Amino acid sequence: MAAAASSSSSSLYDVLGVPVSADGNEIKAAYRKLARTCHPDVVSTNQKEMSANEFIKIHAAYSTLSDPHKRANYDRALFVMRKRPVGSFSSSSLSSGPMGSMSRFNGNFTTRNWETDQCW
């Protein structure tokens, strides 16, 4: 799981270690399992910085995949990225990859989800 979270080319599903067909309960269970092992408050002192970075990736993956609208947008973008032939990538298509909409975040949340605001 840790190797998947540190890979920049992995999908959010790989970060959580769940299949693309996973339902909300499977995603939540995977997040909680990873949170118990990777949260900076539960790891040893010498691993806190690495663990914090890894936990941020895990939390971002859970935040996206647990919200049906964000997940649908992510799935569409991921599908488009996987359908393109390898040689057809341009610098603009790489910068707007599956997380492109996340990088252009405007700061306006429409709803709050208690589960994404909590660790456990």
PDB file of N, CA and C in Angstrom:
ATOM      1  N   MET A   1       0.811  -1.193   0.000  1.00  0.00           N
ATOM      2  CA  MET A   1       0.000   0.000   0.000  1.00  0.00           C
ATOM      3  C   MET A   1       0.857   1.261   0.000  1.00  0.00           C
ATOM      4  N   ALA A   2       1.913   1.273   0.769  1.00  0.00           N
ATOM      5  CA  ALA A   2       2.742   2.464   0.885  1.00  0.00           C
ATOM      6  C   ALA A   2       3.396   2.802  -0.442  1.00  0.00           C
ATOM      7  N   ALA A   3       3.821   1.788  -1.189  1.00  0.00           N
ATOM      8  CA  ALA A   3       4.460   2.044  -2.467  1.00  0.00           C
ATOM      9  C   ALA A   3       3.476   2.653  -3.452  1.00  0.00           C
ATOM     10  N   ALA A   4       2.218   2.200  -3.396  1.00  0.00           N
ATOM     11  CA  ALA A   4       1.222   2.748  -4.301  1.00  0.00           C
ATOM     12  C   ALA A   4       0.945   4.213  -3.976  1.00  0.00           C
ATOM     13  N   ALA A   5       0.958   4.552  -2.714  1.00  0.00           N
ATOM     14  CA  ALA A   5       0.662   5.924  -2.327  1.00  0.00           C
ATOM     15  C   ALA A   5       1.781   6.875  -2.736  1.00  0.00           C
ATOM     16  N   SER A   6       3.005   6.389  -2.797  1.00  0.00           N
ATOM     17  CA  SER A   6       4.117   7.267  -3.120  1.00  0.00           C
ATOM     18  C   SER A   6       4.342   7.407  -4.618  1.00  0.00           C
ATOM     19  N   SER A   7       3.729   6.574  -5.422  1.00  0.00           N
ATOM     20  CA  SER A   7       3.908   6.645  -6.864  1.00  0.00           C
ATOM     21  C   SER A   7       3.062   7.767  -7.446  1.00  0.00           C
ATOM     22  N   SER A   8       3.693   8.663  -8.206  1.00  0.00           N
ATOM     23  CA  SER A   8       2.966   9.802  -8.751  1.00  0.00           C
ATOM     24  C   SER A   8       2.090   9.399  -9.926  1.00  0.00           C
ATOM     25  N   SER A   9       2.348   8.250 -10.564  1.00  0.00           N
ATOM     26  CA  SER A   9       1.570   7.849 -11.721  1.00  0.00           C
ATOM     27  C   SER A   9       0.407   6.937 -11.350  1.00  0.00           C
ATOM     28  N   SER A  10       0.247   6.595 -10.092  1.00  0.00           N
ATOM     29  CA  SER A  10      -0.829   5.695  -9.713  1.00  0.00           C
ATOM     30  C   SER A  10      -2.143   6.453  -9.625  1.00  0.00           C
ATOM     31  N   SER A  11      -3.234   5.706  -9.804  1.00  0.00           N
ATOM     32  CA  SER A  11      -4.551   6.315  -9.685  1.00  0.00           C
ATOM     33  C   SER A  11      -4.933   6.419  -8.212  1.00  0.00           C
ATOM     34  N   LEU A  12      -5.988   7.125  -7.943  1.00  0.00           N
ATOM     35  CA  LEU A  12      -6.466   7.248  -6.568  1.00  0.00           C
ATOM     36  C   LEU A  12      -6.925   5.887  -6.043  1.00  0.00           C
ATOM     37  N   TYR A  13      -7.406   5.028  -6.936  1.00  0.00           N
ATOM     38  CA  TYR A  13      -7.796   3.682  -6.533  1.00  0.00           C
ATOM     39  C   TYR A  13      -6.574   2.892  -6.069  1.00  0.00           C
ATOM     40  N   ASP A  14      -5.453   3.076  -6.759  1.00  0.00           N
ATOM     41  CA  ASP A  14      -4.206   2.410  -6.371  1.00  0.00           C
ATOM     42  C   ASP A  14      -3.711   2.925  -5.024  1.00  0.00           C
ATOM     43  N   VAL A  15      -3.882   4.214  -4.781  1.00  0.00           N
ATOM     44  CA  VAL A  15      -3.445   4.801  -3.513  1.00  0.00           C
ATOM     45  C   VAL A  15      -4.171   4.125  -2.350  1.00  0.00           C
ATOM     46  N   LEU A  16      -5.486   3.906  -2.513  1.00  0.00           N
ATOM     47  CA  LEU A  16      -6.259   3.259  -1.451  1.00  0.00           C
ATOM     48  C   LEU A  16      -6.203   1.739  -1.527  1.00  0.00           C
ATOM     49  N   GLY A  17      -5.715   1.201  -2.633  1.00  0.00           N
ATOM     50  CA  GLY A  17      -5.619  -0.248  -2.779  1.00  0.00           C
ATOM     51  C   GLY A  17      -6.962  -0.907  -3.009  1.00  0.00           C
ATOM     52  N   VAL A  18      -7.854  -0.229  -3.725  1.00  0.00           N
ATOM     53  CA  VAL A  18      -9.172  -0.781  -4.020  1.00  0.00           C
ATOM     54  C   VAL A  18      -9.362  -0.861  -5.528  1.00  0.00           C
ATOM     55  N   PRO A  19     -10.233  -1.763  -5.990  1.00  0.00           N
ATOM     56  CA  PRO A  19     -10.512  -1.819  -7.429  1.00  0.00           C
ATOM     57  C   PRO A  19     -11.392  -0.645  -7.855  1.00  0.00           C
ATOM     58  N   VAL A  20     -11.418  -0.362  -9.141  1.00  0.00           N
ATOM     59  CA  VAL A  20     -12.236   0.727  -9.669  1.00  0.00           C
ATOM     60  C   VAL A  20     -13.715   0.466  -9.385  1.00  0.00           C
ATOM     61  N   SER A  21     -14.098  -0.784  -9.280  1.00  0.00           N
ATOM     62  CA  SER A  21     -15.498  -1.139  -9.044  1.00  0.00           C
ATOM     63  C   SER A  21     -15.882  -1.098  -7.560  1.00  0.00           C
ATOM     64  N   ALA A  22     -14.993  -0.660  -6.691  1.00  0.00           N
ATOM     65  CA  ALA A  22     -15.256  -0.648  -5.245  1.00  0.00           C
ATOM     66  C   ALA A  22     -16.421   0.273  -4.913  1.00  0.00           C
ATOM     67  N   ASP A  23     -17.231  -0.173  -3.953  1.00  0.00           N
ATOM     68  CA  ASP A  23     -18.333   0.675  -3.506  1.00  0.00           C
ATOM     69  C   ASP A  23     -17.874   1.563  -2.351  1.00  0.00           C
ATOM     70  N   GLY A  24     -18.771   2.401  -1.869  1.00  0.00           N
ATOM     71  CA  GLY A  24     -18.430   3.356  -0.818  1.00  0.00           C
ATOM     72  C   GLY A  24     -17.928   2.700   0.455  1.00  0.00           C
ATOM     73  N   ASN A  25     -18.513   1.570   0.820  1.00  0.00           N
ATOM     74  CA  ASN A  25     -18.088   0.884   2.046  1.00  0.00           C
ATOM     75  C   ASN A  25     -16.672   0.324   1.920  1.00  0.00           C
ATOM     76  N   GLU A  26     -16.330  -0.203   0.753  1.00  0.00           N
ATOM     77  CA  GLU A  26     -14.972  -0.717   0.531  1.00  0.00           C
ATOM     78  C   GLU A  26     -13.951   0.422   0.561  1.00  0.00           C
ATOM     79  N   ILE A  27     -14.306   1.547  -0.015  1.00  0.00           N
ATOM     80  CA  ILE A  27     -13.413   2.711  -0.025  1.00  0.00           C
ATOM     81  C   ILE A  27     -13.206   3.218   1.394  1.00  0.00           C
ATOM     82  N   LYS A  28     -14.287   3.297   2.160  1.00  0.00           N
ATOM     83  CA  LYS A  28     -14.189   3.762   3.542  1.00  0.00           C
ATOM     84  C   LYS A  28     -13.341   2.804   4.381  1.00  0.00           C
ATOM     85  N   ALA A  29     -13.549   1.497   4.202  1.00  0.00           N
ATOM     86  CA  ALA A  29     -12.783   0.506   4.966  1.00  0.00           C
ATOM     87  C   ALA A  29     -11.294   0.588   4.628  1.00  0.00           C
ATOM     88  N   ALA A  30     -10.971   0.742   3.348  1.00  0.00           N
ATOM     89  CA  ALA A  30      -9.567   0.851   2.939  1.00  0.00           C
ATOM     90  C   ALA A  30      -8.935   2.113   3.513  1.00  0.00           C
ATOM     91  N   TYR A  31      -9.667   3.216   3.500  1.00  0.00           N
ATOM     92  CA  TYR A  31      -9.163   4.476   4.055  1.00  0.00           C
ATOM     93  C   TYR A  31      -8.887   4.330   5.546  1.00  0.00           C
ATOM     94  N   ARG A  32      -9.826   3.765   6.259  1.00  0.00           N
ATOM     95  CA  ARG A  32      -9.650   3.621   7.707  1.00  0.00           C
ATOM     96  C   ARG A  32      -8.477   2.714   8.045  1.00  0.00           C
ATOM     97  N   LYS A  33      -8.322   1.639   7.264  1.00  0.00           N
ATOM     98  CA  LYS A  33      -7.197   0.727   7.496  1.00  0.00           C
ATOM     99  C   LYS A  33      -5.865   1.450   7.276  1.00  0.00           C
ATOM    100  N   LEU A  34      -5.777   2.209   6.183  1.00  0.00           N
ATOM    101  CA  LEU A  34      -4.546   2.945   5.903  1.00  0.00           C
ATOM    102  C   LEU A  34      -4.321   4.071   6.908  1.00  0.00           C
ATOM    103  N   ALA A  35      -5.398   4.715   7.336  1.00  0.00           N
ATOM    104  CA  ALA A  35      -5.271   5.805   8.307  1.00  0.00           C
ATOM    105  C   ALA A  35      -4.713   5.287   9.626  1.00  0.00           C
ATOM    106  N   ARG A  36      -5.117   4.092  10.024  1.00  0.00           N
ATOM    107  CA  ARG A  36      -4.617   3.521  11.281  1.00  0.00           C
ATOM    108  C   ARG A  36      -3.124   3.218  11.231  1.00  0.00           C
ATOM    109  N   THR A  37      -2.601   2.967  10.044  1.00  0.00           N
ATOM    110  CA  THR A  37      -1.180   2.627   9.944  1.00  0.00           C
ATOM    111  C   THR A  37      -0.310   3.792   9.476  1.00  0.00           C
ATOM    112  N   CYS A  38      -0.883   4.752   8.750  1.00  0.00           N
ATOM    113  CA  CYS A  38      -0.083   5.825   8.144  1.00  0.00           C
ATOM    114  C   CYS A  38      -0.277   7.193   8.778  1.00  0.00           C
ATOM    115  N   HIS A  39      -1.229   7.336   9.667  1.00  0.00           N
ATOM    116  CA  HIS A  39      -1.469   8.654  10.255  1.00  0.00           C
ATOM    117  C   HIS A  39      -0.243   9.090  11.054  1.00  0.00           C
ATOM    118  N   PRO A  40       0.183  10.338  10.924  1.00  0.00           N
ATOM    119  CA  PRO A  40       1.387  10.817  11.620  1.00  0.00           C
ATOM    120  C   PRO A  40       1.329  10.664  13.142  1.00  0.00           C
ATOM    121  N   ASP A  41       0.146  10.622  13.706  1.00  0.00           N
ATOM    122  CA  ASP A  41       0.031  10.479  15.155  1.00  0.00           C
ATOM    123  C   ASP A  41       0.300   9.058  15.653  1.00  0.00           C
ATOM    124  N   VAL A  42       0.311   8.073  14.753  1.00  0.00           N
ATOM    125  CA  VAL A  42       0.490   6.691  15.196  1.00  0.00           C
ATOM    126  C   VAL A  42       1.810   6.064  14.754  1.00  0.00           C
ATOM    127  N   VAL A  43       2.605   6.777  13.962  1.00  0.00           N
ATOM    128  CA  VAL A  43       3.886   6.223  13.521  1.00  0.00           C
ATOM    129  C   VAL A  43       5.005   6.684  14.442  1.00  0.00           C
ATOM    130  N   SER A  44       6.149   6.024  14.326  1.00  0.00           N
ATOM    131  CA  SER A  44       7.293   6.401  15.166  1.00  0.00           C
ATOM    132  C   SER A  44       7.813   7.783  14.767  1.00  0.00           C
ATOM    133  N   THR A  45       8.542   8.389  15.644  1.00  0.00           N
ATOM    134  CA  THR A  45       9.010   9.761  15.475  1.00  0.00           C
ATOM    135  C   THR A  45       9.858   9.944  14.227  1.00  0.00           C
ATOM    136  N   ASN A  46      10.701   8.987  13.891  1.00  0.00           N
ATOM    137  CA  ASN A  46      11.591   9.142  12.743  1.00  0.00           C
ATOM    138  C   ASN A  46      10.880   8.984  11.394  1.00  0.00           C
ATOM    139  N   GLN A  47       9.625   8.574  11.391  1.00  0.00           N
ATOM    140  CA  GLN A  47       8.886   8.396  10.141  1.00  0.00           C
ATOM    141  C   GLN A  47       7.754   9.401   9.973  1.00  0.00           C
ATOM    142  N   LYS A  48       7.652  10.379  10.839  1.00  0.00           N
ATOM    143  CA  LYS A  48       6.510  11.294  10.834  1.00  0.00           C
ATOM    144  C   LYS A  48       6.380  12.094   9.531  1.00  0.00           C
ATOM    145  N   GLU A  49       7.476  12.639   9.016  1.00  0.00           N
ATOM    146  CA  GLU A  49       7.387  13.469   7.811  1.00  0.00           C
ATOM    147  C   GLU A  49       6.942  12.649   6.604  1.00  0.00           C
ATOM    148  N   MET A  50       7.558  11.483   6.410  1.00  0.00           N
ATOM    149  CA  MET A  50       7.172  10.625   5.301  1.00  0.00           C
ATOM    150  C   MET A  50       5.722  10.178   5.465  1.00  0.00           C
ATOM    151  N   SER A  51       5.356   9.840   6.684  1.00  0.00           N
ATOM    152  CA  SER A  51       3.997   9.391   6.957  1.00  0.00           C
ATOM    153  C   SER A  51       2.988  10.503   6.710  1.00  0.00           C
ATOM    154  N   ALA A  52       3.325  11.715   7.064  1.00  0.00           N
ATOM    155  CA  ALA A  52       2.413  12.838   6.853  1.00  0.00           C
ATOM    156  C   ALA A  52       2.144  13.054   5.371  1.00  0.00           C
ATOM    157  N   ASN A  53       3.179  13.007   4.545  1.00  0.00           N
ATOM    158  CA  ASN A  53       3.015  13.161   3.099  1.00  0.00           C
ATOM    159  C   ASN A  53       2.172  12.035   2.520  1.00  0.00           C
ATOM    160  N   GLU A  54       2.430  10.826   2.974  1.00  0.00           N
ATOM    161  CA  GLU A  54       1.674   9.673   2.504  1.00  0.00           C
ATOM    162  C   GLU A  54       0.211   9.786   2.942  1.00  0.00           C
ATOM    163  N   PHE A  55      -0.021  10.207   4.168  1.00  0.00           N
ATOM    164  CA  PHE A  55      -1.386  10.327   4.667  1.00  0.00           C
ATOM    165  C   PHE A  55      -2.152  11.406   3.909  1.00  0.00           C
ATOM    166  N   ILE A  56      -1.493  12.479   3.527  1.00  0.00           N
ATOM    167  CA  ILE A  56      -2.148  13.526   2.740  1.00  0.00           C
ATOM    168  C   ILE A  56      -2.639  12.957   1.411  1.00  0.00           C
ATOM    169  N   LYS A  57      -1.823  12.128   0.765  1.00  0.00           N
ATOM    170  CA  LYS A  57      -2.223  11.499  -0.496  1.00  0.00           C
ATOM    171  C   LYS A  57      -3.398  10.556  -0.273  1.00  0.00           C
ATOM    172  N   ILE A  58      -3.341   9.796   0.812  1.00  0.00           N
ATOM    173  CA  ILE A  58      -4.416   8.855   1.122  1.00  0.00           C
ATOM    174  C   ILE A  58      -5.713   9.610   1.399  1.00  0.00           C
ATOM    175  N   HIS A  59      -5.624  10.684   2.165  1.00  0.00           N
ATOM    176  CA  HIS A  59      -6.817  11.468   2.482  1.00  0.00           C
ATOM    177  C   HIS A  59      -7.398  12.136   1.235  1.00  0.00           C
ATOM    178  N   ALA A  60      -6.535  12.638   0.360  1.00  0.00           N
ATOM    179  CA  ALA A  60      -7.005  13.254  -0.881  1.00  0.00           C
ATOM    180  C   ALA A  60      -7.721  12.228  -1.758  1.00  0.00           C
ATOM    181  N   ALA A  61      -7.174  11.011  -1.811  1.00  0.00           N
ATOM    182  CA  ALA A  61      -7.816   9.951  -2.587  1.00  0.00           C
ATOM    183  C   ALA A  61      -9.181   9.619  -1.998  1.00  0.00           C
ATOM    184  N   TYR A  62      -9.251   9.488  -0.689  1.00  0.00           N
ATOM    185  CA  TYR A  62     -10.527   9.182  -0.042  1.00  0.00           C
ATOM    186  C   TYR A  62     -11.525  10.316  -0.226  1.00  0.00           C
ATOM    187  N   SER A  63     -11.068  11.529  -0.105  1.00  0.00           N
ATOM    188  CA  SER A  63     -11.951  12.684  -0.257  1.00  0.00           C
ATOM    189  C   SER A  63     -12.578  12.712  -1.648  1.00  0.00           C
ATOM    190  N   THR A  64     -11.812  12.396  -2.666  1.00  0.00           N
ATOM    191  CA  THR A  64     -12.324  12.381  -4.036  1.00  0.00           C
ATOM    192  C   THR A  64     -13.232  11.183  -4.278  1.00  0.00           C
ATOM    193  N   LEU A  65     -12.794   9.998  -3.874  1.00  0.00           N
ATOM    194  CA  LEU A  65     -13.552   8.790  -4.192  1.00  0.00           C
ATOM    195  C   LEU A  65     -14.798   8.604  -3.333  1.00  0.00           C
ATOM    196  N   SER A  66     -14.868   9.243  -2.178  1.00  0.00           N
ATOM    197  CA  SER A  66     -16.042   9.083  -1.328  1.00  0.00           C
ATOM    198  C   SER A  66     -17.175  10.030  -1.721  1.00  0.00           C
ATOM    199  N   ASP A  67     -16.877  11.053  -2.489  1.00  0.00           N
ATOM    200  CA  ASP A  67     -17.899  11.986  -2.967  1.00  0.00           C
ATOM    201  C   ASP A  67     -18.353  11.533  -4.356  1.00  0.00           C
ATOM    202  N   PRO A  68     -19.638  11.194  -4.535  1.00  0.00           N
ATOM    203  CA  PRO A  68     -20.098  10.658  -5.827  1.00  0.00           C
ATOM    204  C   PRO A  68     -19.834  11.578  -7.013  1.00  0.00           C
ATOM    205  N   HIS A  69     -19.978  12.884  -6.842  1.00  0.00           N
ATOM    206  CA  HIS A  69     -19.754  13.811  -7.952  1.00  0.00           C
ATOM    207  C   HIS A  69     -18.273  13.919  -8.302  1.00  0.00           C
ATOM    208  N   LYS A  70     -17.432  14.046  -7.293  1.00  0.00           N
ATOM    209  CA  LYS A  70     -15.979  14.113  -7.541  1.00  0.00           C
ATOM    210  C   LYS A  70     -15.485  12.806  -8.149  1.00  0.00           C
ATOM    211  N   ARG A  71     -16.023  11.681  -7.655  1.00  0.00           N
ATOM    212  CA  ARG A  71     -15.601  10.378  -8.175  1.00  0.00           C
ATOM    213  C   ARG A  71     -15.997  10.221  -9.639  1.00  0.00           C
ATOM    214  N   ALA A  72     -17.204  10.645  -9.993  1.00  0.00           N
ATOM    215  CA  ALA A  72     -17.648  10.548 -11.385  1.00  0.00           C
ATOM    216  C   ALA A  72     -16.752  11.386 -12.296  1.00  0.00           C
ATOM    217  N   ASN A  73     -16.423  12.598 -11.874  1.00  0.00           N
ATOM    218  CA  ASN A  73     -15.521  13.448 -12.666  1.00  0.00           C
ATOM    219  C   ASN A  73     -14.148  12.813 -12.791  1.00  0.00           C
ATOM    220  N   TYR A  74     -13.634  12.274 -11.684  1.00  0.00           N
ATOM    221  CA  TYR A  74     -12.321  11.635 -11.704  1.00  0.00           C
ATOM    222  C   TYR A  74     -12.333  10.412 -12.620  1.00  0.00           C
ATOM    223  N   ASP A  75     -13.384   9.595 -12.524  1.00  0.00           N
ATOM    224  CA  ASP A  75     -13.480   8.402 -13.360  1.00  0.00           C
ATOM    225  C   ASP A  75     -13.522   8.751 -14.843  1.00  0.00           C
ATOM    226  N   ARG A  76     -14.262   9.801 -15.182  1.00  0.00           N
ATOM    227  CA  ARG A  76     -14.306  10.230 -16.586  1.00  0.00           C
ATOM    228  C   ARG A  76     -12.925  10.663 -17.059  1.00  0.00           C
ATOM    229  N   ALA A  77     -12.241  11.454 -16.262  1.00  0.00           N
ATOM    230  CA  ALA A  77     -10.901  11.922 -16.644  1.00  0.00           C
ATOM    231  C   ALA A  77      -9.911  10.759 -16.723  1.00  0.00           C
ATOM    232  N   LEU A  78     -10.021   9.819 -15.792  1.00  0.00           N
ATOM    233  CA  LEU A  78      -9.135   8.657 -15.798  1.00  0.00           C
ATOM    234  C   LEU A  78      -9.389   7.798 -17.026  1.00  0.00           C
ATOM    235  N   PHE A  79     -10.655   7.635 -17.401  1.00  0.00           N
ATOM    236  CA  PHE A  79     -11.001   6.852 -18.580  1.00  0.00           C
ATOM    237  C   PHE A  79     -10.424   7.489 -19.838  1.00  0.00           C
ATOM    238  N   VAL A  80     -10.537   8.804 -19.954  1.00  0.00           N
ATOM    239  CA  VAL A  80     -10.006   9.513 -21.116  1.00  0.00           C
ATOM    240  C   VAL A  80      -8.488   9.352 -21.178  1.00  0.00           C
ATOM    241  N   MET A  81      -7.815   9.489 -20.029  1.00  0.00           N
ATOM    242  CA  MET A  81      -6.355   9.362 -20.005  1.00  0.00           C
ATOM    243  C   MET A  81      -5.911   7.957 -20.399  1.00  0.00           C
ATOM    244  N   ARG A  82      -6.661   6.948 -20.001  1.00  0.00           N
ATOM    245  CA  ARG A  82      -6.282   5.560 -20.319  1.00  0.00           C
ATOM    246  C   ARG A  82      -6.617   5.182 -21.750  1.00  0.00           C
ATOM    247  N   LYS A  83      -7.555   5.878 -22.388  1.00  0.00           N
ATOM    248  CA  LYS A  83      -7.943   5.572 -23.760  1.00  0.00           C
ATOM    249  C   LYS A  83      -6.971   6.140 -24.782  1.00  0.00           C
ATOM    250  N   ARG A  84      -6.203   7.163 -24.407  1.00  0.00           N
ATOM    251  CA  ARG A  84      -5.281   7.787 -25.354  1.00  0.00           C
ATOM    252  C   ARG A  84      -4.097   6.873 -25.631  1.00  0.00           C
ATOM    253  N   PRO A  85      -3.647   6.824 -26.881  1.00  0.00           N
ATOM    254  CA  PRO A  85      -2.413   6.092 -27.169  1.00  0.00           C
ATOM    255  C   PRO A  85      -1.233   6.746 -26.460  1.00  0.00           C
ATOM    256  N   VAL A  86      -0.222   5.956 -26.152  1.00  0.00           N
ATOM    257  CA  VAL A  86       0.918   6.440 -25.372  1.00  0.00           C
ATOM    258  C   VAL A  86       1.606   7.626 -26.026  1.00  0.00           C
ATOM    259  N   GLY A  87       1.782   7.631 -27.327  1.00  0.00           N
ATOM    260  CA  GLY A  87       2.509   8.693 -28.005  1.00  0.00           C
ATOM    261  C   GLY A  87       1.717   9.966 -28.224  1.00  0.00           C
ATOM    262  N   SER A  88       0.424   9.997 -27.856  1.00  0.00           N
ATOM    263  CA  SER A  88      -0.392  11.163 -28.168  1.00  0.00           C
ATOM    264  C   SER A  88      -0.474  12.178 -27.040  1.00  0.00           C
ATOM    265  N   PHE A  89       0.325  12.008 -25.984  1.00  0.00           N
ATOM    266  CA  PHE A  89       0.302  12.968 -24.879  1.00  0.00           C
ATOM    267  C   PHE A  89       1.026  14.241 -25.269  1.00  0.00           C
ATOM    268  N   SER A  90       0.450  15.342 -24.893  1.00  0.00           N
ATOM    269  CA  SER A  90       1.126  16.624 -25.050  1.00  0.00           C
ATOM    270  C   SER A  90       1.337  17.206 -23.667  1.00  0.00           C
ATOM    271  N   SER A  91       2.111  18.240 -23.569  1.00  0.00           N
ATOM    272  CA  SER A  91       2.366  18.824 -22.259  1.00  0.00           C
ATOM    273  C   SER A  91       1.082  19.365 -21.643  1.00  0.00           C
ATOM    274  N   SER A  92       0.157  19.862 -22.460  1.00  0.00           N
ATOM    275  CA  SER A  92      -1.099  20.377 -21.905  1.00  0.00           C
ATOM    276  C   SER A  92      -1.985  19.244 -21.416  1.00  0.00           C
ATOM    277  N   SER A  93      -1.973  18.082 -22.085  1.00  0.00           N
ATOM    278  CA  SER A  93      -2.811  16.981 -21.626  1.00  0.00           C
ATOM    279  C   SER A  93      -2.249  16.361 -20.359  1.00  0.00           C
ATOM    280  N   LEU A  94      -0.942  16.406 -20.174  1.00  0.00           N
ATOM    281  CA  LEU A  94      -0.363  15.862 -18.950  1.00  0.00           C
ATOM    282  C   LEU A  94      -0.680  16.748 -17.750  1.00  0.00           C
ATOM    283  N   SER A  95      -0.682  18.052 -17.962  1.00  0.00           N
ATOM    284  CA  SER A  95      -0.952  18.942 -16.842  1.00  0.00           C
ATOM    285  C   SER A  95      -2.419  18.956 -16.456  1.00  0.00           C
ATOM    286  N   SER A  96      -3.290  18.524 -17.356  1.00  0.00           N
ATOM    287  CA  SER A  96      -4.709  18.508 -17.034  1.00  0.00           C
ATOM    288  C   SER A  96      -5.206  17.088 -16.840  1.00  0.00           C
ATOM    289  N   GLY A  97      -4.352  16.179 -16.390  1.00  0.00           N
ATOM    290  CA  GLY A  97      -4.686  14.775 -16.191  1.00  0.00           C
ATOM    291  C   GLY A  97      -5.878  14.567 -15.296  1.00  0.00           C
ATOM    292  N   PRO A  98      -6.056  13.381 -14.758  1.00  0.00           N
ATOM    293  CA  PRO A  98      -7.226  13.079 -13.955  1.00  0.00           C
ATOM    294  C   PRO A  98      -7.411  14.035 -12.780  1.00  0.00           C
ATOM    295  N   MET A  99      -6.329  14.594 -12.268  1.00  0.00           N
ATOM    296  CA  MET A  99      -6.438  15.500 -11.130  1.00  0.00           C
ATOM    297  C   MET A  99      -6.389  16.961 -11.581  1.00  0.00           C
ATOM    298  N   GLY A 100      -6.497  17.212 -12.895  1.00  0.00           N
ATOM    299  CA  GLY A 100      -6.416  18.567 -13.402  1.00  0.00           C
ATOM    300  C   GLY A 100      -7.465  19.478 -12.801  1.00  0.00           C
ATOM    301  N   SER A 101      -8.686  18.977 -12.654  1.00  0.00           N
ATOM    302  CA  SER A 101      -9.723  19.812 -12.068  1.00  0.00           C
ATOM    303  C   SER A 101      -9.429  20.094 -10.602  1.00  0.00           C
ATOM    304  N   MET A 102      -8.718  19.187  -9.926  1.00  0.00           N
ATOM    305  CA  MET A 102      -8.372  19.398  -8.533  1.00  0.00           C
ATOM    306  C   MET A 102      -7.318  20.504  -8.406  1.00  0.00           C
ATOM    307  N   SER A 103      -6.415  20.599  -9.407  1.00  0.00           N
ATOM    308  CA  SER A 103      -5.372  21.611  -9.316  1.00  0.00           C
ATOM    309  C   SER A 103      -5.918  23.006  -9.603  1.00  0.00           C
ATOM    310  N   ARG A 104      -7.066  23.083 -10.253  1.00  0.00           N
ATOM    311  CA  ARG A 104      -7.695  24.374 -10.526  1.00  0.00           C
ATOM    312  C   ARG A 104      -8.840  24.615  -9.537  1.00  0.00           C
ATOM    313  N   PHE A 105      -8.693  24.125  -8.343  1.00  0.00           N
ATOM    314  CA  PHE A 105      -9.715  24.234  -7.322  1.00  0.00           C
ATOM    315  C   PHE A 105     -10.010  25.693  -7.024  1.00  0.00           C
ATOM    316  N   ASN A 106     -11.303  26.028  -6.997  1.00  0.00           N
ATOM    317  CA  ASN A 106     -11.670  27.422  -6.787  1.00  0.00           C
ATOM    318  C   ASN A 106     -11.971  27.751  -5.336  1.00  0.00           C
ATOM    319  N   GLY A 107     -11.954  26.771  -4.446  1.00  0.00           N
ATOM    320  CA  GLY A 107     -12.132  27.036  -3.032  1.00  0.00           C
ATOM    321  C   GLY A 107     -13.558  27.021  -2.546  1.00  0.00           C
ATOM    322  N   ASN A 108     -14.518  26.746  -3.404  1.00  0.00           N
ATOM    323  CA  ASN A 108     -15.923  26.757  -2.999  1.00  0.00           C
ATOM    324  C   ASN A 108     -16.435  25.334  -2.803  1.00  0.00           C
ATOM    325  N   PHE A 109     -16.654  24.954  -1.560  1.00  0.00           N
ATOM    326  CA  PHE A 109     -17.263  23.669  -1.278  1.00  0.00           C
ATOM    327  C   PHE A 109     -18.771  23.834  -1.326  1.00  0.00           C
ATOM    328  N   THR A 110     -19.457  22.889  -1.948  1.00  0.00           N
ATOM    329  CA  THR A 110     -20.908  22.959  -1.954  1.00  0.00           C
ATOM    330  C   THR A 110     -21.487  22.209  -0.767  1.00  0.00           C
ATOM    331  N   THR A 111     -20.820  21.155  -0.345  1.00  0.00           N
ATOM    332  CA  THR A 111     -21.290  20.394   0.808  1.00  0.00           C
ATOM    333  C   THR A 111     -20.106  19.989   1.654  1.00  0.00           C
ATOM    334  N   ARG A 112     -20.368  19.684   2.906  1.00  0.00           N
ATOM    335  CA  ARG A 112     -19.342  19.150   3.796  1.00  0.00           C
ATOM    336  C   ARG A 112     -19.698  17.704   4.069  1.00  0.00           C
ATOM    337  N   ASN A 113     -18.706  16.858   4.146  1.00  0.00           N
ATOM    338  CA  ASN A 113     -18.916  15.450   4.439  1.00  0.00           C
ATOM    339  C   ASN A 113     -18.179  15.143   5.726  1.00  0.00           C
ATOM    340  N   TRP A 114     -18.897  14.822   6.768  1.00  0.00           N
ATOM    341  CA  TRP A 114     -18.299  14.587   8.063  1.00  0.00           C
ATOM    342  C   TRP A 114     -17.196  13.540   7.983  1.00  0.00           C
ATOM    343  N   GLU A 115     -17.395  12.494   7.187  1.00  0.00           N
ATOM    344  CA  GLU A 115     -16.433  11.405   7.135  1.00  0.00           C
ATOM    345  C   GLU A 115     -15.082  11.865   6.571  1.00  0.00           C
ATOM    346  N   THR A 116     -15.089  12.783   5.646  1.00  0.00           N
ATOM    347  CA  THR A 116     -13.821  13.239   5.070  1.00  0.00           C
ATOM    348  C   THR A 116     -13.114  14.227   5.971  1.00  0.00           C
ATOM    349  N   ASP A 117     -13.819  14.735   6.959  1.00  0.00           N
ATOM    350  CA  ASP A 117     -13.201  15.665   7.906  1.00  0.00           C
ATOM    351  C   ASP A 117     -12.603  14.952   9.100  1.00  0.00           C
ATOM    352  N   GLN A 118     -12.827  13.664   9.209  1.00  0.00           N
ATOM    353  CA  GLN A 118     -12.363  12.879  10.339  1.00  0.00           C
ATOM    354  C   GLN A 118     -11.337  11.854   9.887  1.00  0.00           C
ATOM    355  N   CYS A 119     -10.476  11.438  10.760  1.00  0.00           N
ATOM    356  CA  CYS A 119      -9.466  10.428  10.444  1.00  0.00           C
ATOM    357  C   CYS A 119     -10.042   9.028  10.532  1.00  0.00           C
ATOM    358  N   TRP A 120     -10.832   8.781  11.511  1.00  0.00           N
ATOM    359  CA  TRP A 120     -11.286   7.401  11.759  1.00  0.00           C
ATOM    360  C   TRP A 120     -12.720   7.249  11.374  1.00  0.00           C
TER     361      TRP A 120
END
